Amino acid sequence: MIKVVVSGAHGKMGQETCRAVLDDKDLALVGVFDPGHTGEDLVFADDVFKTSGDLKKLIEESKPDVLVDFSTPAVVLENIKLALSLGVHAVVGTTGVSKDDFQKAYEDASDGKAHLFVAP
């Protein structure tokens, strides 16, 4: 079972990602992050998730394998640097950031144990 945290969970793509994770028997949604909605419930049928505004705490408590990020260009690099530095793989769908900036973030944060996949 692959444990997943979704960043930008209250946005359109974030919600679709949450649904896709919940519908896949090989994946488990273990947390949702969206600082603009801290403390709010995110509801999918019978599943209710309390939205975290502290990504580091969420990762440390939920111990995900993967962070899927659909946040904003203003914060995505910091989100993935944090995830990578904590050994969590990052999958990014956020647009508006250059390939070079993603590469630098990966080089700055990864010790080779976690990987970055960008698909804007």
PDB file of N, CA and C in Angstrom:
ATOM      1  N   MET A   1       0.853  -1.181   0.000  1.00  0.00           N
ATOM      2  CA  MET A   1       0.000   0.000   0.000  1.00  0.00           C
ATOM      3  C   MET A   1       0.901   1.247   0.000  1.00  0.00           C
ATOM      4  N   ILE A   2       0.677   2.127  -0.950  1.00  0.00           N
ATOM      5  CA  ILE A   2       1.430   3.374  -1.051  1.00  0.00           C
ATOM      6  C   ILE A   2       0.634   4.465  -0.338  1.00  0.00           C
ATOM      7  N   LYS A   3       1.272   5.097   0.652  1.00  0.00           N
ATOM      8  CA  LYS A   3       0.608   6.146   1.431  1.00  0.00           C
ATOM      9  C   LYS A   3       0.870   7.504   0.781  1.00  0.00           C
ATOM     10  N   VAL A   4      -0.214   8.284   0.614  1.00  0.00           N
ATOM     11  CA  VAL A   4      -0.159   9.533  -0.134  1.00  0.00           C
ATOM     12  C   VAL A   4      -0.702  10.694   0.693  1.00  0.00           C
ATOM     13  N   VAL A   5       0.004  11.836   0.604  1.00  0.00           N
ATOM     14  CA  VAL A   5      -0.490  13.113   1.110  1.00  0.00           C
ATOM     15  C   VAL A   5      -0.695  14.002  -0.113  1.00  0.00           C
ATOM     16  N   VAL A   6      -1.796  14.744  -0.145  1.00  0.00           N
ATOM     17  CA  VAL A   6      -2.081  15.653  -1.248  1.00  0.00           C
ATOM     18  C   VAL A   6      -1.974  17.088  -0.751  1.00  0.00           C
ATOM     19  N   SER A   7      -1.138  17.861  -1.440  1.00  0.00           N
ATOM     20  CA  SER A   7      -0.970  19.290  -1.159  1.00  0.00           C
ATOM     21  C   SER A   7      -1.787  20.082  -2.172  1.00  0.00           C
ATOM     22  N   GLY A   8      -2.501  21.103  -1.671  1.00  0.00           N
ATOM     23  CA  GLY A   8      -3.433  21.831  -2.531  1.00  0.00           C
ATOM     24  C   GLY A   8      -4.729  21.060  -2.651  1.00  0.00           C
ATOM     25  N   ALA A   9      -5.057  20.339  -1.597  1.00  0.00           N
ATOM     26  CA  ALA A   9      -6.162  19.379  -1.606  1.00  0.00           C
ATOM     27  C   ALA A   9      -7.534  20.003  -1.835  1.00  0.00           C
ATOM     28  N   HIS A  10      -7.712  21.268  -1.544  1.00  0.00           N
ATOM     29  CA  HIS A  10      -9.028  21.881  -1.711  1.00  0.00           C
ATOM     30  C   HIS A  10      -9.246  22.431  -3.120  1.00  0.00           C
ATOM     31  N   GLY A  11      -8.205  22.492  -3.929  1.00  0.00           N
ATOM     32  CA  GLY A  11      -8.352  22.938  -5.311  1.00  0.00           C
ATOM     33  C   GLY A  11      -8.981  21.863  -6.169  1.00  0.00           C
ATOM     34  N   LYS A  12      -9.338  22.235  -7.390  1.00  0.00           N
ATOM     35  CA  LYS A  12      -9.997  21.296  -8.293  1.00  0.00           C
ATOM     36  C   LYS A  12      -9.136  20.055  -8.538  1.00  0.00           C
ATOM     37  N   MET A  13      -7.887  20.244  -8.918  1.00  0.00           N
ATOM     38  CA  MET A  13      -7.018  19.096  -9.195  1.00  0.00           C
ATOM     39  C   MET A  13      -6.655  18.359  -7.913  1.00  0.00           C
ATOM     40  N   GLY A  14      -6.505  19.074  -6.817  1.00  0.00           N
ATOM     41  CA  GLY A  14      -6.234  18.423  -5.540  1.00  0.00           C
ATOM     42  C   GLY A  14      -7.367  17.486  -5.137  1.00  0.00           C
ATOM     43  N   GLN A  15      -8.599  17.947  -5.297  1.00  0.00           N
ATOM     44  CA  GLN A  15      -9.749  17.102  -4.962  1.00  0.00           C
ATOM     45  C   GLN A  15      -9.844  15.898  -5.888  1.00  0.00           C
ATOM     46  N   GLU A  16      -9.570  16.098  -7.180  1.00  0.00           N
ATOM     47  CA  GLU A  16      -9.592  14.980  -8.121  1.00  0.00           C
ATOM     48  C   GLU A  16      -8.507  13.963  -7.773  1.00  0.00           C
ATOM     49  N   THR A  17      -7.357  14.453  -7.342  1.00  0.00           N
ATOM     50  CA  THR A  17      -6.272  13.561  -6.935  1.00  0.00           C
ATOM     51  C   THR A  17      -6.676  12.760  -5.707  1.00  0.00           C
ATOM     52  N   CYS A  18      -7.286  13.421  -4.742  1.00  0.00           N
ATOM     53  CA  CYS A  18      -7.764  12.717  -3.548  1.00  0.00           C
ATOM     54  C   CYS A  18      -8.737  11.613  -3.934  1.00  0.00           C
ATOM     55  N   ARG A  19      -9.676  11.915  -4.816  1.00  0.00           N
ATOM     56  CA  ARG A  19     -10.652  10.907  -5.255  1.00  0.00           C
ATOM     57  C   ARG A  19      -9.955   9.734  -5.942  1.00  0.00           C
ATOM     58  N   ALA A  20      -8.988  10.048  -6.799  1.00  0.00           N
ATOM     59  CA  ALA A  20      -8.271   8.983  -7.515  1.00  0.00           C
ATOM     60  C   ALA A  20      -7.515   8.087  -6.543  1.00  0.00           C
ATOM     61  N   VAL A  21      -6.896   8.684  -5.541  1.00  0.00           N
ATOM     62  CA  VAL A  21      -6.175   7.895  -4.533  1.00  0.00           C
ATOM     63  C   VAL A  21      -7.160   7.016  -3.768  1.00  0.00           C
ATOM     64  N   LEU A  22      -8.267   7.584  -3.360  1.00  0.00           N
ATOM     65  CA  LEU A  22      -9.266   6.822  -2.602  1.00  0.00           C
ATOM     66  C   LEU A  22      -9.861   5.675  -3.419  1.00  0.00           C
ATOM     67  N   ASP A  23      -9.929   5.842  -4.737  1.00  0.00           N
ATOM     68  CA  ASP A  23     -10.510   4.813  -5.607  1.00  0.00           C
ATOM     69  C   ASP A  23      -9.527   3.706  -5.978  1.00  0.00           C
ATOM     70  N   ASP A  24      -8.258   3.884  -5.651  1.00  0.00           N
ATOM     71  CA  ASP A  24      -7.239   2.902  -6.033  1.00  0.00           C
ATOM     72  C   ASP A  24      -6.908   2.015  -4.839  1.00  0.00           C
ATOM     73  N   LYS A  25      -7.115   0.719  -4.987  1.00  0.00           N
ATOM     74  CA  LYS A  25      -6.910  -0.208  -3.862  1.00  0.00           C
ATOM     75  C   LYS A  25      -5.447  -0.325  -3.443  1.00  0.00           C
ATOM     76  N   ASP A  26      -4.524   0.133  -4.283  1.00  0.00           N
ATOM     77  CA  ASP A  26      -3.101   0.064  -3.944  1.00  0.00           C
ATOM     78  C   ASP A  26      -2.575   1.341  -3.292  1.00  0.00           C
ATOM     79  N   LEU A  27      -3.459   2.337  -3.136  1.00  0.00           N
ATOM     80  CA  LEU A  27      -3.084   3.623  -2.551  1.00  0.00           C
ATOM     81  C   LEU A  27      -3.919   3.908  -1.313  1.00  0.00           C
ATOM     82  N   ALA A  28      -3.328   4.677  -0.393  1.00  0.00           N
ATOM     83  CA  ALA A  28      -4.058   5.112   0.808  1.00  0.00           C
ATOM     84  C   ALA A  28      -3.828   6.604   0.992  1.00  0.00           C
ATOM     85  N   LEU A  29      -4.901   7.369   1.051  1.00  0.00           N
ATOM     86  CA  LEU A  29      -4.801   8.797   1.344  1.00  0.00           C
ATOM     87  C   LEU A  29      -4.634   8.952   2.848  1.00  0.00           C
ATOM     88  N   VAL A  30      -3.461   9.431   3.258  1.00  0.00           N
ATOM     89  CA  VAL A  30      -3.175   9.518   4.696  1.00  0.00           C
ATOM     90  C   VAL A  30      -3.185  10.950   5.222  1.00  0.00           C
ATOM     91  N   GLY A  31      -3.363  11.929   4.318  1.00  0.00           N
ATOM     92  CA  GLY A  31      -3.433  13.299   4.789  1.00  0.00           C
ATOM     93  C   GLY A  31      -3.657  14.280   3.658  1.00  0.00           C
ATOM     94  N   VAL A  32      -4.256  15.424   4.013  1.00  0.00           N
ATOM     95  CA  VAL A  32      -4.478  16.509   3.058  1.00  0.00           C
ATOM     96  C   VAL A  32      -3.914  17.796   3.638  1.00  0.00           C
ATOM     97  N   PHE A  33      -3.276  18.569   2.762  1.00  0.00           N
ATOM     98  CA  PHE A  33      -2.610  19.816   3.158  1.00  0.00           C
ATOM     99  C   PHE A  33      -3.109  20.942   2.278  1.00  0.00           C
ATOM    100  N   ASP A  34      -3.512  22.031   2.913  1.00  0.00           N
ATOM    101  CA  ASP A  34      -3.931  23.225   2.185  1.00  0.00           C
ATOM    102  C   ASP A  34      -4.038  24.354   3.205  1.00  0.00           C
ATOM    103  N   PRO A  35      -2.977  25.157   3.349  1.00  0.00           N
ATOM    104  CA  PRO A  35      -2.946  26.169   4.413  1.00  0.00           C
ATOM    105  C   PRO A  35      -4.098  27.172   4.379  1.00  0.00           C
ATOM    106  N   GLY A  36      -4.683  27.386   3.216  1.00  0.00           N
ATOM    107  CA  GLY A  36      -5.822  28.297   3.110  1.00  0.00           C
ATOM    108  C   GLY A  36      -7.105  27.712   3.676  1.00  0.00           C
ATOM    109  N   HIS A  37      -7.059  26.431   4.055  1.00  0.00           N
ATOM    110  CA  HIS A  37      -8.248  25.738   4.559  1.00  0.00           C
ATOM    111  C   HIS A  37      -7.943  24.946   5.836  1.00  0.00           C
ATOM    112  N   THR A  38      -6.949  25.392   6.571  1.00  0.00           N
ATOM    113  CA  THR A  38      -6.523  24.686   7.782  1.00  0.00           C
ATOM    114  C   THR A  38      -7.699  24.414   8.713  1.00  0.00           C
ATOM    115  N   GLY A  39      -7.792  23.154   9.140  1.00  0.00           N
ATOM    116  CA  GLY A  39      -8.832  22.757  10.089  1.00  0.00           C
ATOM    117  C   GLY A  39     -10.154  22.396   9.469  1.00  0.00           C
ATOM    118  N   GLU A  40     -10.336  22.693   8.191  1.00  0.00           N
ATOM    119  CA  GLU A  40     -11.599  22.359   7.527  1.00  0.00           C
ATOM    120  C   GLU A  40     -11.632  20.871   7.184  1.00  0.00           C
ATOM    121  N   ASP A  41     -12.841  20.319   7.166  1.00  0.00           N
ATOM    122  CA  ASP A  41     -13.014  18.940   6.725  1.00  0.00           C
ATOM    123  C   ASP A  41     -13.092  18.900   5.208  1.00  0.00           C
ATOM    124  N   LEU A  42     -12.444  17.896   4.633  1.00  0.00           N
ATOM    125  CA  LEU A  42     -12.557  17.614   3.211  1.00  0.00           C
ATOM    126  C   LEU A  42     -13.242  16.257   3.129  1.00  0.00           C
ATOM    127  N   VAL A  43     -14.434  16.224   2.529  1.00  0.00           N
ATOM    128  CA  VAL A  43     -15.288  15.036   2.576  1.00  0.00           C
ATOM    129  C   VAL A  43     -15.408  14.395   1.192  1.00  0.00           C
ATOM    130  N   PHE A  44     -15.177  13.089   1.156  1.00  0.00           N
ATOM    131  CA  PHE A  44     -15.345  12.282  -0.054  1.00  0.00           C
ATOM    132  C   PHE A  44     -16.173  11.062   0.340  1.00  0.00           C
ATOM    133  N   ALA A  45     -17.453  11.079   0.007  1.00  0.00           N
ATOM    134  CA  ALA A  45     -18.362   9.987   0.372  1.00  0.00           C
ATOM    135  C   ALA A  45     -18.261   9.710   1.871  1.00  0.00           C
ATOM    136  N   ASP A  46     -17.747   8.546   2.256  1.00  0.00           N
ATOM    137  CA  ASP A  46     -17.650   8.182   3.669  1.00  0.00           C
ATOM    138  C   ASP A  46     -16.323   8.576   4.311  1.00  0.00           C
ATOM    139  N   ASP A  47     -15.435   9.163   3.533  1.00  0.00           N
ATOM    140  CA  ASP A  47     -14.111   9.526   4.037  1.00  0.00           C
ATOM    141  C   ASP A  47     -14.042  11.014   4.352  1.00  0.00           C
ATOM    142  N   VAL A  48     -13.615  11.335   5.563  1.00  0.00           N
ATOM    143  CA  VAL A  48     -13.487  12.725   5.993  1.00  0.00           C
ATOM    144  C   VAL A  48     -12.049  12.955   6.437  1.00  0.00           C
ATOM    145  N   PHE A  49     -11.437  14.012   5.910  1.00  0.00           N
ATOM    146  CA  PHE A  49     -10.062  14.352   6.243  1.00  0.00           C
ATOM    147  C   PHE A  49     -10.006  15.769   6.788  1.00  0.00           C
ATOM    148  N   LYS A  50      -9.361  15.939   7.929  1.00  0.00           N
ATOM    149  CA  LYS A  50      -9.131  17.265   8.507  1.00  0.00           C
ATOM    150  C   LYS A  50      -7.928  17.862   7.777  1.00  0.00           C
ATOM    151  N   THR A  51      -8.087  19.061   7.238  1.00  0.00           N
ATOM    152  CA  THR A  51      -7.039  19.696   6.449  1.00  0.00           C
ATOM    153  C   THR A  51      -5.955  20.284   7.338  1.00  0.00           C
ATOM    154  N   SER A  52      -4.733  19.902   7.054  1.00  0.00           N
ATOM    155  CA  SER A  52      -3.584  20.400   7.801  1.00  0.00           C
ATOM    156  C   SER A  52      -3.046  21.675   7.159  1.00  0.00           C
ATOM    157  N   GLY A  53      -2.526  22.548   7.973  1.00  0.00           N
ATOM    158  CA  GLY A  53      -1.840  23.745   7.504  1.00  0.00           C
ATOM    159  C   GLY A  53      -0.353  23.684   7.797  1.00  0.00           C
ATOM    160  N   ASP A  54       0.114  22.549   8.297  1.00  0.00           N
ATOM    161  CA  ASP A  54       1.525  22.360   8.664  1.00  0.00           C
ATOM    162  C   ASP A  54       2.034  21.100   7.962  1.00  0.00           C
ATOM    163  N   LEU A  55       2.695  21.304   6.822  1.00  0.00           N
ATOM    164  CA  LEU A  55       3.117  20.165   6.016  1.00  0.00           C
ATOM    165  C   LEU A  55       4.145  19.299   6.727  1.00  0.00           C
ATOM    166  N   LYS A  56       5.084  19.911   7.407  1.00  0.00           N
ATOM    167  CA  LYS A  56       6.109  19.125   8.103  1.00  0.00           C
ATOM    168  C   LYS A  56       5.476  18.218   9.160  1.00  0.00           C
ATOM    169  N   LYS A  57       4.595  18.771   9.952  1.00  0.00           N
ATOM    170  CA  LYS A  57       3.925  17.977  10.987  1.00  0.00           C
ATOM    171  C   LYS A  57       3.087  16.863  10.359  1.00  0.00           C
ATOM    172  N   LEU A  58       2.384  17.186   9.277  1.00  0.00           N
ATOM    173  CA  LEU A  58       1.558  16.188   8.604  1.00  0.00           C
ATOM    174  C   LEU A  58       2.411  15.033   8.087  1.00  0.00           C
ATOM    175  N   ILE A  59       3.542  15.349   7.466  1.00  0.00           N
ATOM    176  CA  ILE A  59       4.428  14.298   6.958  1.00  0.00           C
ATOM    177  C   ILE A  59       4.992  13.477   8.102  1.00  0.00           C
ATOM    178  N   GLU A  60       5.440  14.139   9.147  1.00  0.00           N
ATOM    179  CA  GLU A  60       6.023  13.409  10.281  1.00  0.00           C
ATOM    180  C   GLU A  60       5.000  12.490  10.947  1.00  0.00           C
ATOM    181  N   GLU A  61       3.747  12.922  11.030  1.00  0.00           N
ATOM    182  CA  GLU A  61       2.718  12.117  11.688  1.00  0.00           C
ATOM    183  C   GLU A  61       2.140  11.021  10.786  1.00  0.00           C
ATOM    184  N   SER A  62       1.947  11.314   9.506  1.00  0.00           N
ATOM    185  CA  SER A  62       1.284  10.347   8.620  1.00  0.00           C
ATOM    186  C   SER A  62       2.261   9.430   7.890  1.00  0.00           C
ATOM    187  N   LYS A  63       3.524   9.814   7.856  1.00  0.00           N
ATOM    188  CA  LYS A  63       4.579   9.007   7.228  1.00  0.00           C
ATOM    189  C   LYS A  63       4.213   8.530   5.820  1.00  0.00           C
ATOM    190  N   PRO A  64       3.924   9.483   4.914  1.00  0.00           N
ATOM    191  CA  PRO A  64       3.564   9.087   3.553  1.00  0.00           C
ATOM    192  C   PRO A  64       4.781   8.616   2.759  1.00  0.00           C
ATOM    193  N   ASP A  65       4.501   7.876   1.704  1.00  0.00           N
ATOM    194  CA  ASP A  65       5.537   7.500   0.748  1.00  0.00           C
ATOM    195  C   ASP A  65       5.686   8.582  -0.318  1.00  0.00           C
ATOM    196  N   VAL A  66       4.561   9.261  -0.608  1.00  0.00           N
ATOM    197  CA  VAL A  66       4.508  10.212  -1.712  1.00  0.00           C
ATOM    198  C   VAL A  66       3.715  11.453  -1.319  1.00  0.00           C
ATOM    199  N   LEU A  67       4.229  12.619  -1.750  1.00  0.00           N
ATOM    200  CA  LEU A  67       3.483  13.867  -1.689  1.00  0.00           C
ATOM    201  C   LEU A  67       3.082  14.203  -3.115  1.00  0.00           C
ATOM    202  N   VAL A  68       1.787  14.377  -3.355  1.00  0.00           N
ATOM    203  CA  VAL A  68       1.312  14.849  -4.646  1.00  0.00           C
ATOM    204  C   VAL A  68       0.955  16.313  -4.463  1.00  0.00           C
ATOM    205  N   ASP A  69       1.602  17.178  -5.257  1.00  0.00           N
ATOM    206  CA  ASP A  69       1.444  18.616  -5.062  1.00  0.00           C
ATOM    207  C   ASP A  69       0.706  19.264  -6.227  1.00  0.00           C
ATOM    208  N   PHE A  70      -0.431  19.853  -5.912  1.00  0.00           N
ATOM    209  CA  PHE A  70      -1.188  20.695  -6.826  1.00  0.00           C
ATOM    210  C   PHE A  70      -1.445  22.022  -6.119  1.00  0.00           C
ATOM    211  N   SER A  71      -0.387  22.624  -5.610  1.00  0.00           N
ATOM    212  CA  SER A  71      -0.535  23.879  -4.873  1.00  0.00           C
ATOM    213  C   SER A  71      -0.367  25.065  -5.824  1.00  0.00           C
ATOM    214  N   THR A  72       0.516  25.990  -5.510  1.00  0.00           N
ATOM    215  CA  THR A  72       0.740  27.170  -6.342  1.00  0.00           C
ATOM    216  C   THR A  72       2.237  27.349  -6.584  1.00  0.00           C
ATOM    217  N   PRO A  73       2.595  28.077  -7.650  1.00  0.00           N
ATOM    218  CA  PRO A  73       4.009  28.310  -7.921  1.00  0.00           C
ATOM    219  C   PRO A  73       4.737  28.998  -6.761  1.00  0.00           C
ATOM    220  N   ALA A  74       4.017  29.761  -5.963  1.00  0.00           N
ATOM    221  CA  ALA A  74       4.636  30.491  -4.855  1.00  0.00           C
ATOM    222  C   ALA A  74       5.144  29.571  -3.746  1.00  0.00           C
ATOM    223  N   VAL A  75       4.561  28.385  -3.607  1.00  0.00           N
ATOM    224  CA  VAL A  75       4.923  27.509  -2.485  1.00  0.00           C
ATOM    225  C   VAL A  75       5.385  26.107  -2.881  1.00  0.00           C
ATOM    226  N   VAL A  76       5.191  25.721  -4.135  1.00  0.00           N
ATOM    227  CA  VAL A  76       5.478  24.349  -4.522  1.00  0.00           C
ATOM    228  C   VAL A  76       6.927  23.947  -4.278  1.00  0.00           C
ATOM    229  N   LEU A  77       7.874  24.835  -4.548  1.00  0.00           N
ATOM    230  CA  LEU A  77       9.285  24.470  -4.369  1.00  0.00           C
ATOM    231  C   LEU A  77       9.607  24.190  -2.908  1.00  0.00           C
ATOM    232  N   GLU A  78       9.075  25.001  -2.008  1.00  0.00           N
ATOM    233  CA  GLU A  78       9.303  24.758  -0.580  1.00  0.00           C
ATOM    234  C   GLU A  78       8.637  23.456  -0.142  1.00  0.00           C
ATOM    235  N   ASN A  79       7.448  23.183  -0.672  1.00  0.00           N
ATOM    236  CA  ASN A  79       6.750  21.933  -0.335  1.00  0.00           C
ATOM    237  C   ASN A  79       7.574  20.720  -0.747  1.00  0.00           C
ATOM    238  N   ILE A  80       8.095  20.745  -1.982  1.00  0.00           N
ATOM    239  CA  ILE A  80       8.832  19.568  -2.432  1.00  0.00           C
ATOM    240  C   ILE A  80      10.193  19.456  -1.754  1.00  0.00           C
ATOM    241  N   LYS A  81      10.824  20.587  -1.462  1.00  0.00           N
ATOM    242  CA  LYS A  81      12.090  20.522  -0.723  1.00  0.00           C
ATOM    243  C   LYS A  81      11.880  19.867   0.636  1.00  0.00           C
ATOM    244  N   LEU A  82      10.812  20.246   1.310  1.00  0.00           N
ATOM    245  CA  LEU A  82      10.513  19.661   2.612  1.00  0.00           C
ATOM    246  C   LEU A  82      10.266  18.161   2.477  1.00  0.00           C
ATOM    247  N   ALA A  83       9.407  17.786   1.542  1.00  0.00           N
ATOM    248  CA  ALA A  83       9.100  16.364   1.355  1.00  0.00           C
ATOM    249  C   ALA A  83      10.362  15.569   1.045  1.00  0.00           C
ATOM    250  N   LEU A  84      11.134  16.024   0.085  1.00  0.00           N
ATOM    251  CA  LEU A  84      12.346  15.310  -0.308  1.00  0.00           C
ATOM    252  C   LEU A  84      13.335  15.202   0.843  1.00  0.00           C
ATOM    253  N   SER A  85      13.477  16.277   1.613  1.00  0.00           N
ATOM    254  CA  SER A  85      14.427  16.253   2.735  1.00  0.00           C
ATOM    255  C   SER A  85      13.993  15.278   3.826  1.00  0.00           C
ATOM    256  N   LEU A  86      12.693  14.959   3.851  1.00  0.00           N
ATOM    257  CA  LEU A  86      12.169  13.994   4.823  1.00  0.00           C
ATOM    258  C   LEU A  86      12.053  12.587   4.223  1.00  0.00           C
ATOM    259  N   GLY A  87      12.595  12.405   3.022  1.00  0.00           N
ATOM    260  CA  GLY A  87      12.596  11.090   2.394  1.00  0.00           C
ATOM    261  C   GLY A  87      11.302  10.700   1.714  1.00  0.00           C
ATOM    262  N   VAL A  88      10.460  11.687   1.405  1.00  0.00           N
ATOM    263  CA  VAL A  88       9.162  11.437   0.765  1.00  0.00           C
ATOM    264  C   VAL A  88       9.275  11.802  -0.718  1.00  0.00           C
ATOM    265  N   HIS A  89       8.886  10.874  -1.583  1.00  0.00           N
ATOM    266  CA  HIS A  89       8.872  11.144  -3.025  1.00  0.00           C
ATOM    267  C   HIS A  89       7.858  12.247  -3.306  1.00  0.00           C
ATOM    268  N   ALA A  90       8.115  13.035  -4.361  1.00  0.00           N
ATOM    269  CA  ALA A  90       7.197  14.118  -4.718  1.00  0.00           C
ATOM    270  C   ALA A  90       6.758  13.979  -6.170  1.00  0.00           C
ATOM    271  N   VAL A  91       5.445  14.077  -6.372  1.00  0.00           N
ATOM    272  CA  VAL A  91       4.853  14.108  -7.700  1.00  0.00           C
ATOM    273  C   VAL A  91       4.176  15.462  -7.819  1.00  0.00           C
ATOM    274  N   VAL A  92       4.564  16.235  -8.841  1.00  0.00           N
ATOM    275  CA  VAL A  92       4.102  17.617  -8.928  1.00  0.00           C
ATOM    276  C   VAL A  92       3.307  17.852 -10.204  1.00  0.00           C
ATOM    277  N   GLY A  93       2.126  18.421 -10.041  1.00  0.00           N
ATOM    278  CA  GLY A  93       1.302  18.827 -11.164  1.00  0.00           C
ATOM    279  C   GLY A  93       1.163  20.337 -11.228  1.00  0.00           C
ATOM    280  N   THR A  94       1.718  21.024 -10.265  1.00  0.00           N
ATOM    281  CA  THR A  94       1.658  22.478 -10.209  1.00  0.00           C
ATOM    282  C   THR A  94       2.392  23.071 -11.407  1.00  0.00           C
ATOM    283  N   THR A  95       1.779  24.055 -12.042  1.00  0.00           N
ATOM    284  CA  THR A  95       2.387  24.708 -13.203  1.00  0.00           C
ATOM    285  C   THR A  95       2.956  26.068 -12.806  1.00  0.00           C
ATOM    286  N   GLY A  96       3.700  26.673 -13.740  1.00  0.00           N
ATOM    287  CA  GLY A  96       4.202  28.018 -13.527  1.00  0.00           C
ATOM    288  C   GLY A  96       5.576  28.080 -12.904  1.00  0.00           C
ATOM    289  N   VAL A  97       6.300  26.961 -12.873  1.00  0.00           N
ATOM    290  CA  VAL A  97       7.648  26.903 -12.322  1.00  0.00           C
ATOM    291  C   VAL A  97       8.552  26.293 -13.385  1.00  0.00           C
ATOM    292  N   SER A  98       9.727  26.842 -13.552  1.00  0.00           N
ATOM    293  CA  SER A  98      10.624  26.355 -14.603  1.00  0.00           C
ATOM    294  C   SER A  98      11.255  25.012 -14.251  1.00  0.00           C
ATOM    295  N   LYS A  99      11.640  24.311 -15.284  1.00  0.00           N
ATOM    296  CA  LYS A  99      12.329  23.033 -15.119  1.00  0.00           C
ATOM    297  C   LYS A  99      13.608  23.230 -14.301  1.00  0.00           C
ATOM    298  N   ASP A 100      14.321  24.316 -14.565  1.00  0.00           N
ATOM    299  CA  ASP A 100      15.560  24.603 -13.830  1.00  0.00           C
ATOM    300  C   ASP A 100      15.304  24.812 -12.341  1.00  0.00           C
ATOM    301  N   ASP A 101      14.205  25.488 -12.010  1.00  0.00           N
ATOM    302  CA  ASP A 101      13.872  25.697 -10.599  1.00  0.00           C
ATOM    303  C   ASP A 101      13.539  24.379  -9.905  1.00  0.00           C
ATOM    304  N   PHE A 102      12.809  23.503 -10.605  1.00  0.00           N
ATOM    305  CA  PHE A 102      12.527  22.178 -10.037  1.00  0.00           C
ATOM    306  C   PHE A 102      13.818  21.387  -9.847  1.00  0.00           C
ATOM    307  N   GLN A 103      14.704  21.451 -10.833  1.00  0.00           N
ATOM    308  CA  GLN A 103      15.971  20.729 -10.744  1.00  0.00           C
ATOM    309  C   GLN A 103      16.791  21.215  -9.564  1.00  0.00           C
ATOM    310  N   LYS A 104      16.867  22.536  -9.378  1.00  0.00           N
ATOM    311  CA  LYS A 104      17.627  23.098  -8.265  1.00  0.00           C
ATOM    312  C   LYS A 104      17.011  22.683  -6.924  1.00  0.00           C
ATOM    313  N   ALA A 105      15.685  22.710  -6.834  1.00  0.00           N
ATOM    314  CA  ALA A 105      15.015  22.303  -5.594  1.00  0.00           C
ATOM    315  C   ALA A 105      15.341  20.848  -5.280  1.00  0.00           C
ATOM    316  N   TYR A 106      15.330  20.013  -6.304  1.00  0.00           N
ATOM    317  CA  TYR A 106      15.649  18.597  -6.106  1.00  0.00           C
ATOM    318  C   TYR A 106      17.089  18.434  -5.625  1.00  0.00           C
ATOM    319  N   GLU A 107      17.999  19.110  -6.282  1.00  0.00           N
ATOM    320  CA  GLU A 107      19.413  19.005  -5.910  1.00  0.00           C
ATOM    321  C   GLU A 107      19.671  19.531  -4.507  1.00  0.00           C
ATOM    322  N   ASP A 108      18.970  20.582  -4.129  1.00  0.00           N
ATOM    323  CA  ASP A 108      19.148  21.179  -2.795  1.00  0.00           C
ATOM    324  C   ASP A 108      18.615  20.289  -1.685  1.00  0.00           C
ATOM    325  N   ALA A 109      17.573  19.517  -1.972  1.00  0.00           N
ATOM    326  CA  ALA A 109      16.864  18.830  -0.899  1.00  0.00           C
ATOM    327  C   ALA A 109      17.032  17.321  -0.857  1.00  0.00           C
ATOM    328  N   SER A 110      17.337  16.721  -1.973  1.00  0.00           N
ATOM    329  CA  SER A 110      17.330  15.263  -2.019  1.00  0.00           C
ATOM    330  C   SER A 110      18.699  14.677  -1.723  1.00  0.00           C
ATOM    331  N   ASP A 111      18.690  13.611  -0.949  1.00  0.00           N
ATOM    332  CA  ASP A 111      19.934  12.874  -0.710  1.00  0.00           C
ATOM    333  C   ASP A 111      19.945  11.607  -1.568  1.00  0.00           C
ATOM    334  N   GLY A 112      19.037  11.541  -2.528  1.00  0.00           N
ATOM    335  CA  GLY A 112      18.965  10.396  -3.418  1.00  0.00           C
ATOM    336  C   GLY A 112      17.995   9.324  -2.983  1.00  0.00           C
ATOM    337  N   LYS A 113      17.444   9.461  -1.783  1.00  0.00           N
ATOM    338  CA  LYS A 113      16.499   8.456  -1.283  1.00  0.00           C
ATOM    339  C   LYS A 113      15.077   8.718  -1.777  1.00  0.00           C
ATOM    340  N   ALA A 114      14.777   9.974  -2.038  1.00  0.00           N
ATOM    341  CA  ALA A 114      13.450  10.345  -2.522  1.00  0.00           C
ATOM    342  C   ALA A 114      13.603  10.968  -3.908  1.00  0.00           C
ATOM    343  N   HIS A 115      12.571  10.794  -4.719  1.00  0.00           N
ATOM    344  CA  HIS A 115      12.637  11.245  -6.094  1.00  0.00           C
ATOM    345  C   HIS A 115      11.544  12.262  -6.398  1.00  0.00           C
ATOM    346  N   LEU A 116      11.762  12.996  -7.474  1.00  0.00           N
ATOM    347  CA  LEU A 116      10.836  14.042  -7.904  1.00  0.00           C
ATOM    348  C   LEU A 116      10.357  13.727  -9.309  1.00  0.00           C
ATOM    349  N   PHE A 117       9.034  13.739  -9.503  1.00  0.00           N
ATOM    350  CA  PHE A 117       8.431  13.575 -10.820  1.00  0.00           C
ATOM    351  C   PHE A 117       7.556  14.792 -11.061  1.00  0.00           C
ATOM    352  N   VAL A 118       7.827  15.515 -12.140  1.00  0.00           N
ATOM    353  CA  VAL A 118       7.064  16.729 -12.455  1.00  0.00           C
ATOM    354  C   VAL A 118       6.274  16.496 -13.740  1.00  0.00           C
ATOM    355  N   ALA A 119       4.973  16.686 -13.662  1.00  0.00           N
ATOM    356  CA  ALA A 119       4.078  16.517 -14.816  1.00  0.00           C
ATOM    357  C   ALA A 119       3.076  17.656 -14.830  1.00  0.00           C
ATOM    358  N   PRO A 120       3.534  18.861 -15.217  1.00  0.00           N
ATOM    359  CA  PRO A 120       2.617  20.018 -15.196  1.00  0.00           C
ATOM    360  C   PRO A 120       1.552  19.948 -16.280  1.00  0.00           C
TER     361      PRO A 120
END
